[in-house]
Amino acid sequence: MDTDLILVVGIVVSALTFPALLAAFSESRPPRAASVILLVGGVLIVYALTQKPTGYSFGEIPDVFVRVFRRVLG
């Protein structure tokens, strides 16, 4: 699997943590699912960052999203 795709999936999965956190706190239950989602997303992001030889910069992340979505749609 491509590191760009792994990074994008990790960022999207990590973004899904916030709705899960809000749902858990609004229902007064522990945020177990949100913790697991954040862990999986974090592992994917760290894996992508360590597997790309040159790494990623913050300015490069929007370009990575565009490349991945262009590949998926095209």
N, C-alpha and C. Protein backbone atom coordinates (compact mmCIF):
# COMPACT_ATOMS: atom_id res chain seq x y z
N MET A 1 0.84 -1.17 0.00
CA MET A 1 0.00 0.00 0.00
C MET A 1 0.88 1.23 0.00
N ASP A 2 0.40 2.26 -0.63
CA ASP A 2 1.13 3.51 -0.79
C ASP A 2 1.11 4.32 0.51
N THR A 3 2.21 4.95 0.85
CA THR A 3 2.26 5.73 2.09
C THR A 3 1.33 6.93 2.04
N ASP A 4 1.12 7.51 0.85
CA ASP A 4 0.18 8.63 0.75
C ASP A 4 -1.22 8.18 1.14
N LEU A 5 -1.64 7.03 0.64
CA LEU A 5 -2.96 6.50 0.96
C LEU A 5 -3.08 6.18 2.45
N ILE A 6 -2.05 5.60 3.01
CA ILE A 6 -2.07 5.26 4.44
C ILE A 6 -2.18 6.53 5.28
N LEU A 7 -1.47 7.59 4.89
CA LEU A 7 -1.53 8.85 5.62
C LEU A 7 -2.93 9.44 5.55
N VAL A 8 -3.52 9.46 4.37
CA VAL A 8 -4.86 10.04 4.22
C VAL A 8 -5.89 9.24 5.01
N VAL A 9 -5.82 7.92 4.94
CA VAL A 9 -6.75 7.09 5.70
C VAL A 9 -6.56 7.33 7.21
N GLY A 10 -5.32 7.45 7.65
CA GLY A 10 -5.06 7.71 9.07
C GLY A 10 -5.62 9.04 9.53
N ILE A 11 -5.50 10.06 8.70
CA ILE A 11 -6.02 11.38 9.07
C ILE A 11 -7.54 11.36 9.09
N VAL A 12 -8.16 10.70 8.11
CA VAL A 12 -9.62 10.62 8.07
C VAL A 12 -10.15 9.81 9.25
N VAL A 13 -9.51 8.69 9.55
CA VAL A 13 -9.94 7.87 10.69
C VAL A 13 -9.77 8.65 11.99
N SER A 14 -8.69 9.39 12.12
CA SER A 14 -8.48 10.19 13.33
C SER A 14 -9.52 11.29 13.46
N ALA A 15 -9.96 11.84 12.34
CA ALA A 15 -11.00 12.87 12.38
C ALA A 15 -12.33 12.31 12.85
N LEU A 16 -12.55 11.02 12.64
CA LEU A 16 -13.78 10.38 13.11
C LEU A 16 -13.81 10.21 14.62
N THR A 17 -12.73 10.50 15.28
CA THR A 17 -12.67 10.41 16.74
C THR A 17 -13.58 11.44 17.40
N PHE A 18 -13.66 12.63 16.82
CA PHE A 18 -14.39 13.72 17.46
C PHE A 18 -15.89 13.45 17.56
N PRO A 19 -16.56 12.97 16.51
CA PRO A 19 -17.98 12.62 16.70
C PRO A 19 -18.18 11.49 17.71
N ALA A 20 -17.27 10.53 17.73
CA ALA A 20 -17.39 9.44 18.69
C ALA A 20 -17.20 9.95 20.13
N LEU A 21 -16.28 10.87 20.30
CA LEU A 21 -16.09 11.48 21.63
C LEU A 21 -17.32 12.24 22.08
N LEU A 22 -17.87 13.05 21.19
CA LEU A 22 -19.06 13.82 21.53
C LEU A 22 -20.23 12.91 21.88
N ALA A 23 -20.41 11.84 21.13
CA ALA A 23 -21.50 10.90 21.41
C ALA A 23 -21.31 10.23 22.76
N ALA A 24 -20.08 9.85 23.06
CA ALA A 24 -19.82 9.18 24.34
C ALA A 24 -20.05 10.13 25.52
N PHE A 25 -19.56 11.34 25.41
CA PHE A 25 -19.73 12.28 26.52
C PHE A 25 -21.18 12.72 26.68
N SER A 26 -21.90 12.85 25.58
CA SER A 26 -23.30 13.27 25.69
C SER A 26 -24.17 12.17 26.30
N GLU A 27 -23.75 10.92 26.17
CA GLU A 27 -24.50 9.81 26.75
C GLU A 27 -23.91 9.34 28.07
N SER A 28 -22.96 10.08 28.59
CA SER A 28 -22.31 9.80 29.88
C SER A 28 -21.74 8.39 29.96
N ARG A 29 -21.03 8.00 28.93
CA ARG A 29 -20.36 6.70 28.93
C ARG A 29 -18.89 6.90 28.58
N PRO A 30 -18.05 5.95 28.93
CA PRO A 30 -16.62 6.10 28.64
C PRO A 30 -16.37 6.05 27.12
N PRO A 31 -15.44 6.86 26.66
CA PRO A 31 -15.17 6.93 25.21
C PRO A 31 -14.24 5.82 24.72
N ARG A 32 -14.65 4.58 24.87
CA ARG A 32 -13.80 3.46 24.47
C ARG A 32 -13.64 3.38 22.95
N ALA A 33 -14.74 3.51 22.23
CA ALA A 33 -14.68 3.43 20.77
C ALA A 33 -13.83 4.56 20.21
N ALA A 34 -13.98 5.75 20.77
CA ALA A 34 -13.18 6.89 20.31
C ALA A 34 -11.70 6.65 20.56
N SER A 35 -11.39 6.03 21.67
CA SER A 35 -9.98 5.73 21.97
C SER A 35 -9.40 4.75 20.97
N VAL A 36 -10.17 3.73 20.62
CA VAL A 36 -9.70 2.74 19.65
C VAL A 36 -9.53 3.38 18.28
N ILE A 37 -10.50 4.22 17.89
CA ILE A 37 -10.42 4.90 16.60
C ILE A 37 -9.18 5.80 16.55
N LEU A 38 -8.94 6.54 17.61
CA LEU A 38 -7.77 7.41 17.65
C LEU A 38 -6.48 6.61 17.61
N LEU A 39 -6.44 5.49 18.28
CA LEU A 39 -5.25 4.64 18.27
C LEU A 39 -4.97 4.11 16.87
N VAL A 40 -6.00 3.62 16.19
CA VAL A 40 -5.83 3.09 14.84
C VAL A 40 -5.36 4.20 13.89
N GLY A 41 -6.00 5.36 13.96
CA GLY A 41 -5.60 6.48 13.11
C GLY A 41 -4.18 6.93 13.39
N GLY A 42 -3.82 6.99 14.65
CA GLY A 42 -2.47 7.38 15.02
C GLY A 42 -1.42 6.41 14.53
N VAL A 43 -1.73 5.13 14.63
CA VAL A 43 -0.79 4.10 14.15
C VAL A 43 -0.60 4.23 12.64
N LEU A 44 -1.69 4.45 11.91
CA LEU A 44 -1.59 4.62 10.46
C LEU A 44 -0.75 5.84 10.09
N ILE A 45 -0.96 6.94 10.80
CA ILE A 45 -0.20 8.17 10.51
C ILE A 45 1.29 7.95 10.81
N VAL A 46 1.59 7.38 11.96
CA VAL A 46 2.99 7.15 12.32
C VAL A 46 3.65 6.18 11.34
N TYR A 47 2.92 5.15 10.93
CA TYR A 47 3.47 4.19 9.96
C TYR A 47 3.79 4.90 8.64
N ALA A 48 2.87 5.73 8.17
CA ALA A 48 3.11 6.44 6.91
C ALA A 48 4.29 7.39 7.03
N LEU A 49 4.40 8.07 8.16
CA LEU A 49 5.51 9.02 8.34
C LEU A 49 6.85 8.31 8.42
N THR A 50 6.88 7.13 8.99
CA THR A 50 8.16 6.43 9.13
C THR A 50 8.55 5.65 7.88
N GLN A 51 7.59 5.31 7.04
CA GLN A 51 7.89 4.50 5.85
C GLN A 51 8.30 5.33 4.65
N LYS A 52 7.93 6.60 4.61
CA LYS A 52 8.35 7.45 3.50
C LYS A 52 9.76 7.96 3.80
N PRO A 53 10.71 7.72 2.91
CA PRO A 53 12.10 8.09 3.20
C PRO A 53 12.31 9.58 3.46
N THR A 54 11.61 10.44 2.75
CA THR A 54 11.81 11.88 2.95
C THR A 54 10.85 12.48 3.95
N GLY A 55 9.85 11.73 4.37
CA GLY A 55 8.88 12.23 5.33
C GLY A 55 7.88 13.18 4.69
N TYR A 56 7.02 13.75 5.50
CA TYR A 56 6.01 14.70 5.05
C TYR A 56 6.17 16.00 5.81
N SER A 57 5.86 17.10 5.14
CA SER A 57 5.80 18.39 5.83
C SER A 57 4.33 18.79 5.92
N PHE A 58 4.01 19.73 6.80
CA PHE A 58 2.62 20.16 6.95
C PHE A 58 2.09 20.78 5.67
N GLY A 59 2.92 21.49 4.94
CA GLY A 59 2.49 22.10 3.69
C GLY A 59 2.23 21.10 2.59
N GLU A 60 2.75 19.90 2.73
CA GLU A 60 2.60 18.87 1.71
C GLU A 60 1.30 18.06 1.88
N ILE A 61 0.68 18.13 3.04
CA ILE A 61 -0.48 17.30 3.33
C ILE A 61 -1.67 17.59 2.40
N PRO A 62 -2.01 18.85 2.10
CA PRO A 62 -3.10 19.07 1.13
C PRO A 62 -2.80 18.47 -0.24
N ASP A 63 -1.55 18.53 -0.67
CA ASP A 63 -1.18 17.92 -1.95
C ASP A 63 -1.33 16.41 -1.90
N VAL A 64 -1.04 15.81 -0.76
CA VAL A 64 -1.19 14.37 -0.61
C VAL A 64 -2.66 13.98 -0.74
N PHE A 65 -3.56 14.76 -0.12
CA PHE A 65 -4.99 14.50 -0.24
C PHE A 65 -5.43 14.59 -1.70
N VAL A 66 -4.96 15.60 -2.41
CA VAL A 66 -5.33 15.78 -3.81
C VAL A 66 -4.83 14.61 -4.64
N ARG A 67 -3.60 14.18 -4.43
CA ARG A 67 -3.05 13.06 -5.19
C ARG A 67 -3.84 11.78 -4.96
N VAL A 68 -4.19 11.53 -3.69
CA VAL A 68 -4.90 10.30 -3.36
C VAL A 68 -6.31 10.34 -3.96
N PHE A 69 -7.02 11.46 -3.80
CA PHE A 69 -8.37 11.54 -4.34
C PHE A 69 -8.37 11.51 -5.86
N ARG A 70 -7.35 12.07 -6.47
CA ARG A 70 -7.24 12.03 -7.94
C ARG A 70 -7.04 10.58 -8.40
N ARG A 71 -6.23 9.83 -7.66
CA ARG A 71 -6.01 8.42 -8.01
C ARG A 71 -7.27 7.59 -7.82
N VAL A 72 -8.00 7.86 -6.75
CA VAL A 72 -9.20 7.10 -6.45
C VAL A 72 -10.29 7.40 -7.49
N LEU A 73 -10.46 8.67 -7.84
CA LEU A 73 -11.52 9.06 -8.76
C LEU A 73 -11.15 8.87 -10.22
N GLY A 74 -9.87 8.86 -10.52
CA GLY A 74 -9.45 8.81 -11.92
C GLY A 74 -9.03 7.47 -12.31
